[in-house]
């Protein structure tokens, strides 16, 4: 599979190549420019390609997240996720409790307009995003 799999260390908006599958694990909400990432993914996906994102489980509103897991995620987001995004120089952090609705909106703004929750666990959302 060495001719089919490639690992790159690069920024979220500068990686090169064309891909059938782009995956992101617990990182979209930490990006300073998540919309820019979505735009770059859109341009890097091959025809029929898909982006899979795994994000912390969150509801679409504050009241949906007042669970033990949601409270822990809010604490982590306040201490780690939002400061990480802000230190990247942008002013558009999502934080760990964005929820499927907001995640889909930002992905859509970047050209990944066909977004669905493909799976959900007690701790994570798995999103499928396509142009």
C-alpha atoms as a PDB file:
ATOM      1  CA  UNK A   1       0.000   0.000   0.000  1.00  0.00           C
ATOM      2  CA  UNK A   2       3.033   2.295   0.067  1.00  0.00           C
ATOM      3  CA  UNK A   3       2.055   3.592  -3.376  1.00  0.00           C
ATOM      4  CA  UNK A   4      -1.505   4.370  -2.189  1.00  0.00           C
ATOM      5  CA  UNK A   5      -1.039   5.905   1.264  1.00  0.00           C
ATOM      6  CA  UNK A   6       0.768   9.115   2.086  1.00  0.00           C
ATOM      7  CA  UNK A   7       1.300  11.003   5.337  1.00  0.00           C
ATOM      8  CA  UNK A   8       2.124  14.701   5.317  1.00  0.00           C
ATOM      9  CA  UNK A   9       2.952  17.175   8.041  1.00  0.00           C
ATOM     10  CA  UNK A  10       1.652  20.538   6.848  1.00  0.00           C
ATOM     11  CA  UNK A  11      -0.849  23.226   7.740  1.00  0.00           C
ATOM     12  CA  UNK A  12      -4.570  22.784   7.316  1.00  0.00           C
ATOM     13  CA  UNK A  13      -4.688  25.099   4.302  1.00  0.00           C
ATOM     14  CA  UNK A  14      -1.448  24.277   2.488  1.00  0.00           C
ATOM     15  CA  UNK A  15      -1.285  20.498   2.070  1.00  0.00           C
ATOM     16  CA  UNK A  16      -0.871  19.407  -1.525  1.00  0.00           C
ATOM     17  CA  UNK A  17      -2.320  16.659  -3.643  1.00  0.00           C
ATOM     18  CA  UNK A  18      -5.701  15.296  -4.648  1.00  0.00           C
ATOM     19  CA  UNK A  19      -7.410  12.758  -2.413  1.00  0.00           C
ATOM     20  CA  UNK A  20     -10.315  10.355  -2.420  1.00  0.00           C
ATOM     21  CA  UNK A  21     -10.513  10.525   1.385  1.00  0.00           C
ATOM     22  CA  UNK A  22      -9.388  13.230   3.789  1.00  0.00           C
ATOM     23  CA  UNK A  23      -9.785  12.464   7.491  1.00  0.00           C
ATOM     24  CA  UNK A  24      -9.613  14.698  10.522  1.00  0.00           C
ATOM     25  CA  UNK A  25      -9.673  13.390  14.070  1.00  0.00           C
ATOM     26  CA  UNK A  26     -10.765  15.727  16.875  1.00  0.00           C
ATOM     27  CA  UNK A  27      -9.101  18.753  15.266  1.00  0.00           C
ATOM     28  CA  UNK A  28     -11.586  20.820  13.204  1.00  0.00           C
ATOM     29  CA  UNK A  29     -12.821  22.709  16.259  1.00  0.00           C
ATOM     30  CA  UNK A  30      -9.204  23.568  17.210  1.00  0.00           C
ATOM     31  CA  UNK A  31      -8.460  25.342  13.933  1.00  0.00           C
ATOM     32  CA  UNK A  32      -8.113  29.090  13.766  1.00  0.00           C
ATOM     33  CA  UNK A  33      -9.591  29.074  10.252  1.00  0.00           C
ATOM     34  CA  UNK A  34     -11.994  26.141   9.959  1.00  0.00           C
ATOM     35  CA  UNK A  35     -13.725  27.708   6.934  1.00  0.00           C
ATOM     36  CA  UNK A  36     -10.351  28.030   5.180  1.00  0.00           C
ATOM     37  CA  UNK A  37      -9.671  24.375   5.916  1.00  0.00           C
ATOM     38  CA  UNK A  38     -13.031  23.400   4.391  1.00  0.00           C
ATOM     39  CA  UNK A  39     -12.240  25.465   1.287  1.00  0.00           C
ATOM     40  CA  UNK A  40      -8.856  23.785   0.940  1.00  0.00           C
ATOM     41  CA  UNK A  41     -10.353  20.323   1.421  1.00  0.00           C
ATOM     42  CA  UNK A  42     -12.936  21.119  -1.246  1.00  0.00           C
ATOM     43  CA  UNK A  43     -10.164  21.927  -3.708  1.00  0.00           C
ATOM     44  CA  UNK A  44      -8.121  18.845  -2.729  1.00  0.00           C
ATOM     45  CA  UNK A  45     -10.889  16.242  -3.035  1.00  0.00           C
ATOM     46  CA  UNK A  46     -10.944  14.106  -6.151  1.00  0.00           C
ATOM     47  CA  UNK A  47     -14.292  13.752  -7.929  1.00  0.00           C
ATOM     48  CA  UNK A  48     -16.471  11.625  -5.656  1.00  0.00           C
ATOM     49  CA  UNK A  49     -14.079  12.228  -2.742  1.00  0.00           C
ATOM     50  CA  UNK A  50     -15.171  12.578   0.866  1.00  0.00           C
ATOM     51  CA  UNK A  51     -13.919  14.214   4.039  1.00  0.00           C
ATOM     52  CA  UNK A  52     -14.523  12.379   7.312  1.00  0.00           C
ATOM     53  CA  UNK A  53     -14.364  14.397  10.516  1.00  0.00           C
ATOM     54  CA  UNK A  54     -14.555  13.044  14.028  1.00  0.00           C
ATOM     55  CA  UNK A  55     -15.522  15.752  16.506  1.00  0.00           C
ATOM     56  CA  UNK A  56     -16.552  15.826  20.176  1.00  0.00           C
ATOM     57  CA  UNK A  57     -20.214  14.978  20.718  1.00  0.00           C
ATOM     58  CA  UNK A  58     -22.201  18.150  21.213  1.00  0.00           C
ATOM     59  CA  UNK A  59     -25.775  19.226  20.839  1.00  0.00           C
ATOM     60  CA  UNK A  60     -26.768  22.305  18.878  1.00  0.00           C
ATOM     61  CA  UNK A  61     -27.601  24.410  21.937  1.00  0.00           C
ATOM     62  CA  UNK A  62     -26.287  25.045  25.417  1.00  0.00           C
ATOM     63  CA  UNK A  63     -29.186  23.187  27.038  1.00  0.00           C
ATOM     64  CA  UNK A  64     -28.335  20.096  24.948  1.00  0.00           C
ATOM     65  CA  UNK A  65     -24.834  19.997  26.405  1.00  0.00           C
ATOM     66  CA  UNK A  66     -25.603  20.154  30.116  1.00  0.00           C
ATOM     67  CA  UNK A  67     -24.556  16.536  30.645  1.00  0.00           C
ATOM     68  CA  UNK A  68     -21.492  15.242  32.497  1.00  0.00           C
ATOM     69  CA  UNK A  69     -19.649  14.762  29.176  1.00  0.00           C
ATOM     70  CA  UNK A  70     -20.806  18.122  27.816  1.00  0.00           C
ATOM     71  CA  UNK A  71     -19.662  19.933  30.942  1.00  0.00           C
ATOM     72  CA  UNK A  72     -16.242  18.282  30.751  1.00  0.00           C
ATOM     73  CA  UNK A  73     -15.988  19.217  27.074  1.00  0.00           C
ATOM     74  CA  UNK A  74     -16.889  22.850  27.819  1.00  0.00           C
ATOM     75  CA  UNK A  75     -14.101  22.968  30.415  1.00  0.00           C
ATOM     76  CA  UNK A  76     -11.599  21.441  27.999  1.00  0.00           C
ATOM     77  CA  UNK A  77     -12.731  23.724  25.200  1.00  0.00           C
ATOM     78  CA  UNK A  78     -12.294  26.813  27.367  1.00  0.00           C
ATOM     79  CA  UNK A  79      -8.826  25.784  28.525  1.00  0.00           C
ATOM     80  CA  UNK A  80      -7.427  24.179  25.348  1.00  0.00           C
ATOM     81  CA  UNK A  81      -9.504  24.314  22.165  1.00  0.00           C
ATOM     82  CA  UNK A  82     -10.432  27.996  21.936  1.00  0.00           C
ATOM     83  CA  UNK A  83      -6.999  29.303  23.045  1.00  0.00           C
ATOM     84  CA  UNK A  84      -5.359  26.947  20.502  1.00  0.00           C
ATOM     85  CA  UNK A  85      -7.544  28.348  17.719  1.00  0.00           C
ATOM     86  CA  UNK A  86      -7.034  31.964  18.773  1.00  0.00           C
ATOM     87  CA  UNK A  87      -3.241  31.645  18.928  1.00  0.00           C
ATOM     88  CA  UNK A  88      -3.310  30.785  15.219  1.00  0.00           C
ATOM     89  CA  UNK A  89      -4.162  34.426  14.519  1.00  0.00           C
ATOM     90  CA  UNK A  90      -7.762  33.983  13.439  1.00  0.00           C
ATOM     91  CA  UNK A  91     -10.860  35.086  15.307  1.00  0.00           C
ATOM     92  CA  UNK A  92     -13.250  32.286  14.320  1.00  0.00           C
ATOM     93  CA  UNK A  93     -12.854  29.476  16.855  1.00  0.00           C
ATOM     94  CA  UNK A  94     -15.536  26.818  17.036  1.00  0.00           C
ATOM     95  CA  UNK A  95     -14.583  25.230  20.341  1.00  0.00           C
ATOM     96  CA  UNK A  96     -15.337  21.632  21.253  1.00  0.00           C
ATOM     97  CA  UNK A  97     -19.072  22.177  21.671  1.00  0.00           C
ATOM     98  CA  UNK A  98     -19.953  23.411  18.197  1.00  0.00           C
ATOM     99  CA  UNK A  99     -22.604  20.769  17.474  1.00  0.00           C
ATOM    100  CA  UNK A 100     -23.503  19.200  14.131  1.00  0.00           C
ATOM    101  CA  UNK A 101     -25.522  22.213  12.961  1.00  0.00           C
ATOM    102  CA  UNK A 102     -22.677  24.728  13.393  1.00  0.00           C
ATOM    103  CA  UNK A 103     -20.045  22.311  12.077  1.00  0.00           C
ATOM    104  CA  UNK A 104     -22.186  21.745   8.970  1.00  0.00           C
ATOM    105  CA  UNK A 105     -22.635  25.499   8.482  1.00  0.00           C
ATOM    106  CA  UNK A 106     -18.887  26.174   8.565  1.00  0.00           C
ATOM    107  CA  UNK A 107     -18.128  23.221   6.285  1.00  0.00           C
ATOM    108  CA  UNK A 108     -20.829  24.480   3.909  1.00  0.00           C
ATOM    109  CA  UNK A 109     -19.342  27.979   3.873  1.00  0.00           C
ATOM    110  CA  UNK A 110     -16.143  26.334   2.658  1.00  0.00           C
ATOM    111  CA  UNK A 111     -17.863  24.455  -0.169  1.00  0.00           C
ATOM    112  CA  UNK A 112     -18.548  21.132   1.543  1.00  0.00           C
ATOM    113  CA  UNK A 113     -22.295  21.501   1.295  1.00  0.00           C
ATOM    114  CA  UNK A 114     -23.340  17.861   1.551  1.00  0.00           C
ATOM    115  CA  UNK A 115     -22.739  17.115   5.248  1.00  0.00           C
ATOM    116  CA  UNK A 116     -24.326  14.415   7.350  1.00  0.00           C
ATOM    117  CA  UNK A 117     -23.795  12.825  10.739  1.00  0.00           C
ATOM    118  CA  UNK A 118     -22.659   9.353   9.718  1.00  0.00           C
ATOM    119  CA  UNK A 119     -22.338   7.989  13.260  1.00  0.00           C
ATOM    120  CA  UNK A 120     -22.533   9.070  16.874  1.00  0.00           C
ATOM    121  CA  UNK A 121     -21.057   7.626  20.064  1.00  0.00           C
ATOM    122  CA  UNK A 122     -21.473   8.855  23.647  1.00  0.00           C
ATOM    123  CA  UNK A 123     -18.324  10.942  23.074  1.00  0.00           C
ATOM    124  CA  UNK A 124     -18.027  11.707  19.351  1.00  0.00           C
ATOM    125  CA  UNK A 125     -19.792  12.736  16.164  1.00  0.00           C
ATOM    126  CA  UNK A 126     -18.591  11.293  12.871  1.00  0.00           C
ATOM    127  CA  UNK A 127     -19.374  13.647  10.006  1.00  0.00           C
ATOM    128  CA  UNK A 128     -19.226  12.914   6.300  1.00  0.00           C
ATOM    129  CA  UNK A 129     -18.673  16.007   4.156  1.00  0.00           C
ATOM    130  CA  UNK A 130     -18.753  16.192   0.381  1.00  0.00           C
ATOM    131  CA  UNK A 131     -18.849  19.037  -2.153  1.00  0.00           C
END
